Amino acid sequence: MALQNANEDKRRTINEFQMRIQDLTTQIQRLEGKNQEDLLQQKLQLGKEHINQMNELKSRQMEDIRGQQLAYNTHLEAVRADHERALALEIEKQTIQQQSNI
């Protein structure tokens, strides 16, 4: 009878250990799943941040391009105005020469 009780205790202990192992295995699997989900969330967040940085850089580049276009247009207007003044002076010069030849 004592041997039977000892064997029963061993079986109970083994069953308890097996259940505990199963519980721990389940917890490990849950943690691994959560870890994978967390890693995917981090990757997603990094991807979003990268896209935001690229968009910000693109916006800055577009602002730079607009600034360059404005500077170029201003330069063209100045060149055009200088050219018009030069033409007006040339016309005035020719008019004076024609009048002095008369």
N, C-alpha and C. Protein backbone atom coordinates (compact mmCIF):
# COMPACT_ATOMS: atom_id res chain seq x y z
N MET A 1 0.82 -1.19 0.00
CA MET A 1 0.00 0.00 0.00
C MET A 1 0.87 1.26 0.00
N ALA A 2 1.94 1.26 0.78
CA ALA A 2 2.84 2.41 0.83
C ALA A 2 3.48 2.61 -0.54
N LEU A 3 3.81 1.49 -1.22
CA LEU A 3 4.40 1.57 -2.55
C LEU A 3 3.40 2.15 -3.54
N GLN A 4 2.16 1.74 -3.40
CA GLN A 4 1.11 2.25 -4.28
C GLN A 4 0.90 3.76 -4.05
N ASN A 5 0.93 4.18 -2.80
CA ASN A 5 0.80 5.61 -2.48
C ASN A 5 1.99 6.40 -3.02
N ALA A 6 3.17 5.82 -2.93
CA ALA A 6 4.37 6.49 -3.45
C ALA A 6 4.27 6.63 -4.96
N ASN A 7 3.81 5.56 -5.64
CA ASN A 7 3.64 5.62 -7.10
C ASN A 7 2.58 6.65 -7.48
N GLU A 8 1.50 6.69 -6.72
CA GLU A 8 0.43 7.68 -6.96
C GLU A 8 0.98 9.10 -6.79
N ASP A 9 1.78 9.31 -5.76
CA ASP A 9 2.40 10.63 -5.54
C ASP A 9 3.32 11.00 -6.70
N LYS A 10 4.08 10.00 -7.18
CA LYS A 10 4.98 10.25 -8.33
C LYS A 10 4.17 10.65 -9.55
N ARG A 11 3.07 9.90 -9.81
CA ARG A 11 2.23 10.22 -10.97
C ARG A 11 1.64 11.62 -10.85
N ARG A 12 1.17 11.95 -9.65
CA ARG A 12 0.60 13.27 -9.43
C ARG A 12 1.67 14.36 -9.64
N THR A 13 2.84 14.11 -9.10
CA THR A 13 3.95 15.07 -9.26
C THR A 13 4.32 15.22 -10.73
N ILE A 14 4.39 14.08 -11.43
CA ILE A 14 4.71 14.12 -12.87
C ILE A 14 3.63 14.89 -13.62
N ASN A 15 2.36 14.61 -13.31
CA ASN A 15 1.25 15.32 -13.97
C ASN A 15 1.31 16.82 -13.68
N GLU A 16 1.62 17.18 -12.44
CA GLU A 16 1.73 18.59 -12.08
C GLU A 16 2.86 19.26 -12.85
N PHE A 17 4.01 18.56 -12.94
CA PHE A 17 5.13 19.10 -13.71
C PHE A 17 4.77 19.24 -15.19
N GLN A 18 4.08 18.23 -15.73
CA GLN A 18 3.68 18.30 -17.14
C GLN A 18 2.72 19.46 -17.39
N MET A 19 1.78 19.66 -16.46
CA MET A 19 0.84 20.78 -16.60
C MET A 19 1.58 22.11 -16.48
N ARG A 20 2.52 22.16 -15.56
CA ARG A 20 3.31 23.39 -15.38
C ARG A 20 4.15 23.67 -16.62
N ILE A 21 4.75 22.61 -17.17
CA ILE A 21 5.54 22.75 -18.40
C ILE A 21 4.64 23.24 -19.53
N GLN A 22 3.44 22.67 -19.62
CA GLN A 22 2.50 23.08 -20.66
C GLN A 22 2.10 24.55 -20.48
N ASP A 23 1.84 24.95 -19.23
CA ASP A 23 1.51 26.35 -18.96
C ASP A 23 2.66 27.28 -19.34
N LEU A 24 3.87 26.89 -18.96
CA LEU A 24 5.05 27.71 -19.29
C LEU A 24 5.26 27.79 -20.80
N THR A 25 5.05 26.66 -21.48
CA THR A 25 5.19 26.64 -22.94
C THR A 25 4.17 27.59 -23.58
N THR A 26 2.94 27.56 -23.08
CA THR A 26 1.90 28.45 -23.59
C THR A 26 2.27 29.91 -23.34
N GLN A 27 2.79 30.20 -22.15
CA GLN A 27 3.21 31.58 -21.83
C GLN A 27 4.34 32.02 -22.75
N ILE A 28 5.29 31.13 -22.98
CA ILE A 28 6.41 31.44 -23.88
C ILE A 28 5.89 31.74 -25.28
N GLN A 29 4.96 30.92 -25.76
CA GLN A 29 4.41 31.14 -27.10
C GLN A 29 3.67 32.48 -27.18
N ARG A 30 2.92 32.81 -26.13
CA ARG A 30 2.23 34.10 -26.10
C ARG A 30 3.24 35.25 -26.12
N LEU A 31 4.29 35.11 -25.31
CA LEU A 31 5.31 36.17 -25.26
C LEU A 31 6.03 36.31 -26.60
N GLU A 32 6.32 35.17 -27.24
CA GLU A 32 6.98 35.22 -28.55
C GLU A 32 6.06 35.89 -29.57
N GLY A 33 4.77 35.55 -29.52
CA GLY A 33 3.80 36.20 -30.42
C GLY A 33 3.72 37.69 -30.17
N LYS A 34 3.68 38.07 -28.90
CA LYS A 34 3.63 39.49 -28.54
C LYS A 34 4.91 40.19 -28.99
N ASN A 35 6.04 39.51 -28.80
CA ASN A 35 7.32 40.08 -29.22
C ASN A 35 7.33 40.30 -30.73
N GLN A 36 6.83 39.32 -31.50
CA GLN A 36 6.77 39.47 -32.96
C GLN A 36 5.87 40.65 -33.33
N GLU A 37 4.73 40.74 -32.65
CA GLU A 37 3.80 41.85 -32.92
C GLU A 37 4.47 43.19 -32.59
N ASP A 38 5.17 43.25 -31.46
CA ASP A 38 5.87 44.48 -31.09
C ASP A 38 6.93 44.85 -32.12
N LEU A 39 7.67 43.84 -32.60
CA LEU A 39 8.69 44.10 -33.61
C LEU A 39 8.06 44.62 -34.90
N LEU A 40 6.94 44.03 -35.29
CA LEU A 40 6.26 44.51 -36.50
C LEU A 40 5.75 45.94 -36.31
N GLN A 41 5.24 46.24 -35.12
CA GLN A 41 4.78 47.60 -34.84
C GLN A 41 5.95 48.59 -34.90
N GLN A 42 7.10 48.17 -34.36
CA GLN A 42 8.29 49.04 -34.41
C GLN A 42 8.73 49.26 -35.85
N LYS A 43 8.73 48.18 -36.66
CA LYS A 43 9.10 48.33 -38.06
C LYS A 43 8.12 49.25 -38.78
N LEU A 44 6.84 49.08 -38.49
CA LEU A 44 5.83 49.94 -39.11
C LEU A 44 6.04 51.39 -38.71
N GLN A 45 6.30 51.62 -37.44
CA GLN A 45 6.54 52.99 -36.95
C GLN A 45 7.78 53.59 -37.60
N LEU A 46 8.85 52.79 -37.69
CA LEU A 46 10.07 53.28 -38.34
C LEU A 46 9.81 53.60 -39.81
N GLY A 47 9.02 52.75 -40.46
CA GLY A 47 8.65 53.00 -41.85
C GLY A 47 7.88 54.30 -42.00
N LYS A 48 6.93 54.52 -41.09
CA LYS A 48 6.15 55.77 -41.13
C LYS A 48 7.05 56.97 -40.90
N GLU A 49 7.96 56.86 -39.93
CA GLU A 49 8.88 57.97 -39.65
C GLU A 49 9.77 58.25 -40.85
N HIS A 50 10.22 57.19 -41.51
CA HIS A 50 11.06 57.35 -42.70
C HIS A 50 10.28 58.07 -43.81
N ILE A 51 9.03 57.65 -44.00
CA ILE A 51 8.20 58.30 -45.02
C ILE A 51 7.99 59.77 -44.67
N ASN A 52 7.73 60.05 -43.40
CA ASN A 52 7.55 61.45 -42.98
C ASN A 52 8.81 62.27 -43.22
N GLN A 53 9.97 61.68 -42.91
CA GLN A 53 11.23 62.39 -43.14
C GLN A 53 11.45 62.65 -44.63
N MET A 54 11.11 61.64 -45.45
CA MET A 54 11.27 61.80 -46.90
C MET A 54 10.33 62.90 -47.42
N ASN A 55 9.10 62.90 -46.92
CA ASN A 55 8.14 63.93 -47.34
C ASN A 55 8.60 65.32 -46.90
N GLU A 56 9.15 65.40 -45.69
CA GLU A 56 9.66 66.68 -45.20
C GLU A 56 10.83 67.16 -46.06
N LEU A 57 11.73 66.23 -46.39
CA LEU A 57 12.86 66.58 -47.25
C LEU A 57 12.37 67.03 -48.63
N LYS A 58 11.39 66.30 -49.15
CA LYS A 58 10.81 66.65 -50.45
C LYS A 58 10.19 68.05 -50.40
N SER A 59 9.50 68.35 -49.32
CA SER A 59 8.88 69.68 -49.17
C SER A 59 9.96 70.76 -49.14
N ARG A 60 11.03 70.50 -48.39
CA ARG A 60 12.13 71.48 -48.33
C ARG A 60 12.77 71.68 -49.70
N GLN A 61 12.94 70.57 -50.42
CA GLN A 61 13.53 70.68 -51.75
C GLN A 61 12.62 71.48 -52.68
N MET A 62 11.30 71.25 -52.56
CA MET A 62 10.36 72.01 -53.39
C MET A 62 10.40 73.50 -53.02
N GLU A 63 10.52 73.81 -51.74
CA GLU A 63 10.66 75.21 -51.32
C GLU A 63 11.94 75.81 -51.90
N ASP A 64 13.02 75.04 -51.86
CA ASP A 64 14.29 75.52 -52.44
C ASP A 64 14.13 75.79 -53.93
N ILE A 65 13.46 74.87 -54.62
CA ILE A 65 13.26 75.02 -56.06
C ILE A 65 12.42 76.26 -56.34
N ARG A 66 11.35 76.45 -55.56
CA ARG A 66 10.51 77.64 -55.74
C ARG A 66 11.33 78.92 -55.49
N GLY A 67 12.18 78.89 -54.47
CA GLY A 67 13.04 80.04 -54.19
C GLY A 67 13.99 80.31 -55.35
N GLN A 68 14.56 79.24 -55.90
CA GLN A 68 15.47 79.39 -57.04
C GLN A 68 14.72 79.93 -58.26
N GLN A 69 13.49 79.43 -58.47
CA GLN A 69 12.69 79.93 -59.60
C GLN A 69 12.38 81.41 -59.43
N LEU A 70 12.03 81.79 -58.20
CA LEU A 70 11.73 83.20 -57.93
C LEU A 70 12.96 84.07 -58.18
N ALA A 71 14.12 83.61 -57.70
CA ALA A 71 15.36 84.36 -57.91
C ALA A 71 15.68 84.45 -59.40
N TYR A 72 15.47 83.36 -60.13
CA TYR A 72 15.74 83.35 -61.57
C TYR A 72 14.79 84.31 -62.29
N ASN A 73 13.50 84.25 -61.92
CA ASN A 73 12.52 85.14 -62.55
C ASN A 73 12.85 86.61 -62.25
N THR A 74 13.25 86.89 -61.03
CA THR A 74 13.65 88.25 -60.66
C THR A 74 14.86 88.69 -61.48
N HIS A 75 15.81 87.78 -61.64
CA HIS A 75 17.00 88.08 -62.45
C HIS A 75 16.59 88.35 -63.91
N LEU A 76 15.69 87.51 -64.45
CA LEU A 76 15.25 87.72 -65.83
C LEU A 76 14.55 89.07 -65.99
N GLU A 77 13.73 89.44 -65.01
CA GLU A 77 13.06 90.74 -65.06
C GLU A 77 14.08 91.87 -65.05
N ALA A 78 15.11 91.74 -64.24
CA ALA A 78 16.16 92.77 -64.18
C ALA A 78 16.90 92.84 -65.51
N VAL A 79 17.22 91.68 -66.09
CA VAL A 79 17.92 91.66 -67.38
C VAL A 79 17.03 92.29 -68.46
N ARG A 80 15.74 91.92 -68.44
CA ARG A 80 14.80 92.48 -69.41
C ARG A 80 14.70 94.00 -69.26
N ALA A 81 14.61 94.47 -68.02
CA ALA A 81 14.52 95.92 -67.77
C ALA A 81 15.80 96.61 -68.24
N ASP A 82 16.96 96.01 -67.96
CA ASP A 82 18.24 96.59 -68.42
C ASP A 82 18.28 96.64 -69.94
N HIS A 83 17.80 95.57 -70.57
CA HIS A 83 17.80 95.51 -72.03
C HIS A 83 16.88 96.59 -72.60
N GLU A 84 15.70 96.76 -71.99
CA GLU A 84 14.77 97.79 -72.45
C GLU A 84 15.37 99.18 -72.28
N ARG A 85 16.07 99.40 -71.16
CA ARG A 85 16.74 100.70 -70.95
C ARG A 85 17.84 100.91 -72.00
N ALA A 86 18.58 99.85 -72.28
CA ALA A 86 19.64 99.96 -73.29
C ALA A 86 19.05 100.27 -74.66
N LEU A 87 17.92 99.61 -74.99
CA LEU A 87 17.27 99.89 -76.28
C LEU A 87 16.76 101.34 -76.33
N ALA A 88 16.17 101.78 -75.23
CA ALA A 88 15.66 103.16 -75.18
C ALA A 88 16.80 104.15 -75.35
N LEU A 89 17.94 103.89 -74.69
CA LEU A 89 19.10 104.77 -74.84
C LEU A 89 19.64 104.73 -76.27
N GLU A 90 19.65 103.56 -76.87
CA GLU A 90 20.13 103.44 -78.25
C GLU A 90 19.22 104.21 -79.20
N ILE A 91 17.90 104.09 -78.98
CA ILE A 91 16.95 104.83 -79.82
C ILE A 91 17.15 106.34 -79.63
N GLU A 92 17.32 106.75 -78.38
CA GLU A 92 17.55 108.17 -78.09
C GLU A 92 18.84 108.66 -78.75
N LYS A 93 19.87 107.81 -78.69
CA LYS A 93 21.17 108.16 -79.30
C LYS A 93 21.00 108.32 -80.80
N GLN A 94 20.30 107.39 -81.43
CA GLN A 94 20.11 107.46 -82.88
C GLN A 94 19.26 108.68 -83.26
N THR A 95 18.27 108.97 -82.44
CA THR A 95 17.42 110.14 -82.70
C THR A 95 18.25 111.42 -82.64
N ILE A 96 19.11 111.50 -81.63
CA ILE A 96 19.97 112.69 -81.49
C ILE A 96 20.93 112.79 -82.67
N GLN A 97 21.49 111.64 -83.10
CA GLN A 97 22.41 111.65 -84.24
C GLN A 97 21.69 112.09 -85.51
N GLN A 98 20.47 111.59 -85.68
CA GLN A 98 19.71 111.98 -86.88
C GLN A 98 19.38 113.47 -86.86
N GLN A 99 19.06 113.95 -85.67
CA GLN A 99 18.73 115.38 -85.57
C GLN A 99 19.97 116.25 -85.80
N SER A 100 21.11 115.75 -85.36
CA SER A 100 22.33 116.54 -85.56
C SER A 100 22.80 116.48 -87.01
N ASN A 101 22.40 115.45 -87.72
CA ASN A 101 22.77 115.34 -89.14
C ASN A 101 21.88 116.23 -90.00
N ILE A 102 20.77 116.60 -89.49
CA ILE A 102 19.84 117.42 -90.28
C ILE A 102 20.24 118.85 -90.28
